[in-house]
N, C-alpha and C. Protein backbone atom coordinates (compact mmCIF):
# COMPACT_ATOMS: atom_id res chain seq x y z
N MET A 1 14.77 -23.84 -17.08
CA MET A 1 13.78 -23.23 -17.93
C MET A 1 12.68 -22.65 -17.05
N SER A 2 12.15 -21.51 -17.40
CA SER A 2 11.12 -20.86 -16.58
C SER A 2 9.73 -21.22 -17.08
N ILE A 3 8.75 -20.98 -16.22
CA ILE A 3 7.37 -21.27 -16.56
C ILE A 3 6.79 -20.13 -17.40
N HIS A 4 5.95 -20.47 -18.35
CA HIS A 4 5.33 -19.47 -19.20
C HIS A 4 4.35 -18.63 -18.37
N PRO A 5 4.28 -17.30 -18.58
CA PRO A 5 3.40 -16.45 -17.77
C PRO A 5 1.93 -16.86 -17.77
N SER A 6 1.46 -17.46 -18.86
CA SER A 6 0.05 -17.85 -18.93
C SER A 6 -0.25 -19.08 -18.07
N LEU A 7 0.76 -19.77 -17.59
CA LEU A 7 0.55 -20.98 -16.80
C LEU A 7 0.70 -20.75 -15.30
N ARG A 8 0.81 -19.51 -14.89
CA ARG A 8 0.92 -19.22 -13.47
C ARG A 8 -0.37 -19.57 -12.75
N GLY A 9 -0.31 -19.59 -11.42
CA GLY A 9 -1.48 -19.90 -10.62
C GLY A 9 -2.53 -18.81 -10.70
N ALA A 10 -3.74 -19.14 -10.29
CA ALA A 10 -4.86 -18.20 -10.37
C ALA A 10 -4.66 -17.00 -9.44
N ASP A 11 -3.97 -17.19 -8.32
CA ASP A 11 -3.76 -16.10 -7.38
C ASP A 11 -2.87 -15.00 -7.94
N SER A 12 -1.93 -15.36 -8.78
CA SER A 12 -1.01 -14.36 -9.31
C SER A 12 -1.62 -13.56 -10.46
N LEU A 13 -2.77 -13.96 -10.97
CA LEU A 13 -3.38 -13.25 -12.09
C LEU A 13 -4.21 -12.06 -11.61
N ILE A 14 -4.55 -12.01 -10.33
CA ILE A 14 -5.36 -10.93 -9.80
C ILE A 14 -4.44 -9.76 -9.48
N GLY A 15 -4.73 -8.61 -10.07
CA GLY A 15 -3.90 -7.44 -9.87
C GLY A 15 -4.66 -6.34 -9.14
N GLU A 16 -4.00 -5.26 -8.88
CA GLU A 16 -4.62 -4.11 -8.23
C GLU A 16 -5.47 -3.37 -9.26
N ARG A 17 -6.68 -3.01 -8.87
CA ARG A 17 -7.53 -2.21 -9.75
C ARG A 17 -7.21 -0.74 -9.52
N SER A 18 -7.20 0.02 -10.59
CA SER A 18 -6.89 1.44 -10.47
C SER A 18 -8.15 2.31 -10.47
N VAL A 19 -9.31 1.70 -10.67
CA VAL A 19 -10.57 2.44 -10.73
C VAL A 19 -11.57 1.77 -9.80
N LEU A 20 -12.28 2.60 -9.01
CA LEU A 20 -13.30 2.08 -8.11
C LEU A 20 -14.66 2.15 -8.79
N THR A 21 -15.57 1.26 -8.41
CA THR A 21 -16.93 1.35 -8.90
C THR A 21 -17.64 2.50 -8.19
N ARG A 22 -18.79 2.89 -8.68
CA ARG A 22 -19.52 4.00 -8.08
C ARG A 22 -19.90 3.69 -6.64
N VAL A 23 -20.29 2.45 -6.38
CA VAL A 23 -20.67 2.05 -5.02
C VAL A 23 -19.47 2.14 -4.07
N GLU A 24 -18.31 1.69 -4.53
CA GLU A 24 -17.10 1.78 -3.71
C GLU A 24 -16.71 3.23 -3.44
N ARG A 25 -16.85 4.08 -4.46
CA ARG A 25 -16.56 5.50 -4.26
C ARG A 25 -17.50 6.12 -3.26
N LEU A 26 -18.79 5.78 -3.34
CA LEU A 26 -19.76 6.31 -2.40
C LEU A 26 -19.44 5.87 -0.97
N GLN A 27 -19.05 4.63 -0.79
CA GLN A 27 -18.72 4.13 0.54
C GLN A 27 -17.52 4.88 1.11
N LYS A 28 -16.48 5.09 0.31
CA LYS A 28 -15.30 5.82 0.78
C LYS A 28 -15.63 7.27 1.12
N LEU A 29 -16.45 7.91 0.26
CA LEU A 29 -16.81 9.30 0.50
C LEU A 29 -17.68 9.44 1.75
N GLN A 30 -18.60 8.50 1.96
CA GLN A 30 -19.46 8.54 3.15
C GLN A 30 -18.64 8.34 4.41
N SER A 31 -17.66 7.42 4.37
CA SER A 31 -16.84 7.17 5.56
C SER A 31 -15.96 8.37 5.90
N SER A 32 -15.57 9.16 4.88
CA SER A 32 -14.75 10.33 5.14
C SER A 32 -15.60 11.58 5.40
N GLY A 33 -16.91 11.48 5.27
CA GLY A 33 -17.80 12.60 5.54
C GLY A 33 -17.94 13.58 4.40
N LYS A 34 -17.57 13.19 3.19
CA LYS A 34 -17.63 14.10 2.04
C LYS A 34 -18.88 13.88 1.19
N PHE A 35 -19.75 12.95 1.59
CA PHE A 35 -20.95 12.67 0.81
C PHE A 35 -22.10 12.44 1.77
N ASP A 36 -23.23 13.10 1.49
CA ASP A 36 -24.44 12.90 2.28
C ASP A 36 -25.49 12.31 1.34
N ALA A 37 -25.98 11.14 1.66
CA ALA A 37 -26.91 10.44 0.78
C ALA A 37 -28.22 11.19 0.61
N ASP A 38 -28.63 11.99 1.59
CA ASP A 38 -29.90 12.69 1.51
C ASP A 38 -29.85 13.93 0.61
N SER A 39 -28.73 14.64 0.61
CA SER A 39 -28.70 15.92 -0.12
C SER A 39 -27.80 15.91 -1.35
N ASP A 40 -26.83 15.02 -1.44
CA ASP A 40 -25.89 15.03 -2.56
C ASP A 40 -26.34 14.09 -3.67
N SER A 41 -25.91 14.39 -4.89
CA SER A 41 -26.23 13.56 -6.05
C SER A 41 -25.16 12.50 -6.26
N VAL A 42 -25.55 11.36 -6.82
CA VAL A 42 -24.58 10.30 -7.10
C VAL A 42 -23.84 10.56 -8.41
N TYR A 43 -24.22 11.61 -9.12
CA TYR A 43 -23.55 11.97 -10.36
C TYR A 43 -22.54 13.08 -10.07
N GLY A 44 -21.45 13.08 -10.79
CA GLY A 44 -20.44 14.11 -10.61
C GLY A 44 -19.69 13.99 -9.30
N LEU A 45 -19.42 12.77 -8.88
CA LEU A 45 -18.70 12.54 -7.62
C LEU A 45 -17.25 12.99 -7.75
N PRO A 46 -16.66 13.43 -6.65
CA PRO A 46 -15.24 13.78 -6.70
C PRO A 46 -14.38 12.53 -6.85
N LYS A 47 -13.15 12.74 -7.28
CA LYS A 47 -12.23 11.62 -7.42
C LYS A 47 -11.86 11.05 -6.06
N VAL A 48 -11.63 9.74 -6.03
CA VAL A 48 -11.25 9.07 -4.79
C VAL A 48 -9.97 8.31 -5.06
N ARG A 49 -9.00 8.50 -4.20
CA ARG A 49 -7.70 7.83 -4.37
C ARG A 49 -7.82 6.35 -4.03
N THR A 50 -7.27 5.52 -4.88
CA THR A 50 -7.26 4.09 -4.62
C THR A 50 -6.02 3.72 -3.83
N LYS A 51 -5.94 2.47 -3.43
CA LYS A 51 -4.74 2.01 -2.73
C LYS A 51 -3.56 2.06 -3.69
N PHE A 52 -2.41 2.35 -3.18
CA PHE A 52 -1.22 2.36 -4.01
C PHE A 52 -0.11 1.64 -3.28
N LYS A 53 0.77 1.08 -4.04
CA LYS A 53 1.86 0.30 -3.46
C LYS A 53 2.92 1.23 -2.91
N VAL A 54 3.45 0.86 -1.75
CA VAL A 54 4.51 1.62 -1.13
C VAL A 54 5.79 0.80 -1.25
N ALA A 55 6.83 1.43 -1.71
CA ALA A 55 8.10 0.74 -1.87
C ALA A 55 8.63 0.35 -0.50
N LYS A 56 8.96 -0.91 -0.34
CA LYS A 56 9.49 -1.40 0.93
C LYS A 56 10.98 -1.14 0.98
N LYS A 57 11.45 -0.73 2.15
CA LYS A 57 12.88 -0.52 2.32
C LYS A 57 13.54 -1.87 2.53
N LYS A 58 14.79 -1.92 2.20
CA LYS A 58 15.53 -3.15 2.40
C LYS A 58 15.77 -3.33 3.90
N ALA A 59 15.14 -4.32 4.49
CA ALA A 59 15.21 -4.53 5.93
C ALA A 59 16.62 -4.91 6.37
N ALA A 60 17.32 -5.70 5.59
CA ALA A 60 18.65 -6.14 5.98
C ALA A 60 19.62 -4.96 6.05
N ALA A 61 19.54 -4.04 5.12
CA ALA A 61 20.43 -2.89 5.12
C ALA A 61 20.13 -1.97 6.29
N ASP A 62 18.86 -1.78 6.61
CA ASP A 62 18.47 -0.92 7.73
C ASP A 62 18.90 -1.53 9.05
N ASP A 63 18.74 -2.84 9.19
CA ASP A 63 19.12 -3.51 10.43
C ASP A 63 20.63 -3.44 10.65
N ALA A 64 21.39 -3.57 9.58
CA ALA A 64 22.85 -3.52 9.69
C ALA A 64 23.32 -2.13 10.12
N GLU A 65 22.68 -1.11 9.61
CA GLU A 65 23.04 0.25 9.99
C GLU A 65 22.66 0.55 11.43
N ALA A 66 21.54 0.01 11.88
CA ALA A 66 21.08 0.26 13.24
C ALA A 66 21.96 -0.46 14.26
N GLU A 67 22.49 -1.61 13.91
CA GLU A 67 23.31 -2.40 14.84
C GLU A 67 24.75 -1.90 14.90
N ALA A 68 25.24 -1.25 13.86
CA ALA A 68 26.62 -0.78 13.84
C ALA A 68 26.77 0.41 14.78
N PRO A 69 27.86 0.44 15.58
CA PRO A 69 28.07 1.58 16.49
C PRO A 69 28.45 2.82 15.71
N ALA A 70 28.14 3.97 16.27
CA ALA A 70 28.48 5.24 15.62
C ALA A 70 29.99 5.44 15.66
N ASP A 71 30.51 6.34 14.84
CA ASP A 71 31.94 6.60 14.79
C ASP A 71 32.44 7.10 16.15
N GLY A 72 33.56 6.56 16.58
CA GLY A 72 34.15 6.99 17.83
C GLY A 72 33.61 6.25 19.06
N GLU A 73 32.57 5.48 18.89
CA GLU A 73 32.03 4.73 20.02
C GLU A 73 32.51 3.30 19.94
N ALA A 74 32.98 2.78 21.03
CA ALA A 74 33.44 1.40 21.06
C ALA A 74 32.41 0.57 21.82
N GLU A 75 32.22 -0.63 21.36
CA GLU A 75 31.28 -1.52 22.05
C GLU A 75 31.93 -2.02 23.32
N THR A 76 31.19 -2.00 24.41
CA THR A 76 31.71 -2.53 25.66
C THR A 76 31.12 -3.91 25.87
N PRO A 77 31.94 -4.88 26.25
CA PRO A 77 31.41 -6.22 26.46
C PRO A 77 30.52 -6.26 27.69
N ALA A 78 29.45 -7.01 27.60
CA ALA A 78 28.52 -7.14 28.73
C ALA A 78 29.12 -8.11 29.74
N GLU A 79 29.16 -7.70 31.02
CA GLU A 79 29.73 -8.56 32.05
C GLU A 79 28.69 -9.06 32.97
């Protein structure tokens, strides 16, 4: 029997946020040089991309392909 989703640990309940706060947006824009605190307004800020998940490749399949010799090549035993 599986555990009910509401009974999971506290760490698994925290998810990725898709929206940044204004302060976070200002920090990202300042670090990229797109915002100057002296001359620019804090209203009407441009959109800022948040972190996004990258699909991981299957490591086992990639390793198996890398270790297999190419067609026509024979492995020579190490002496």
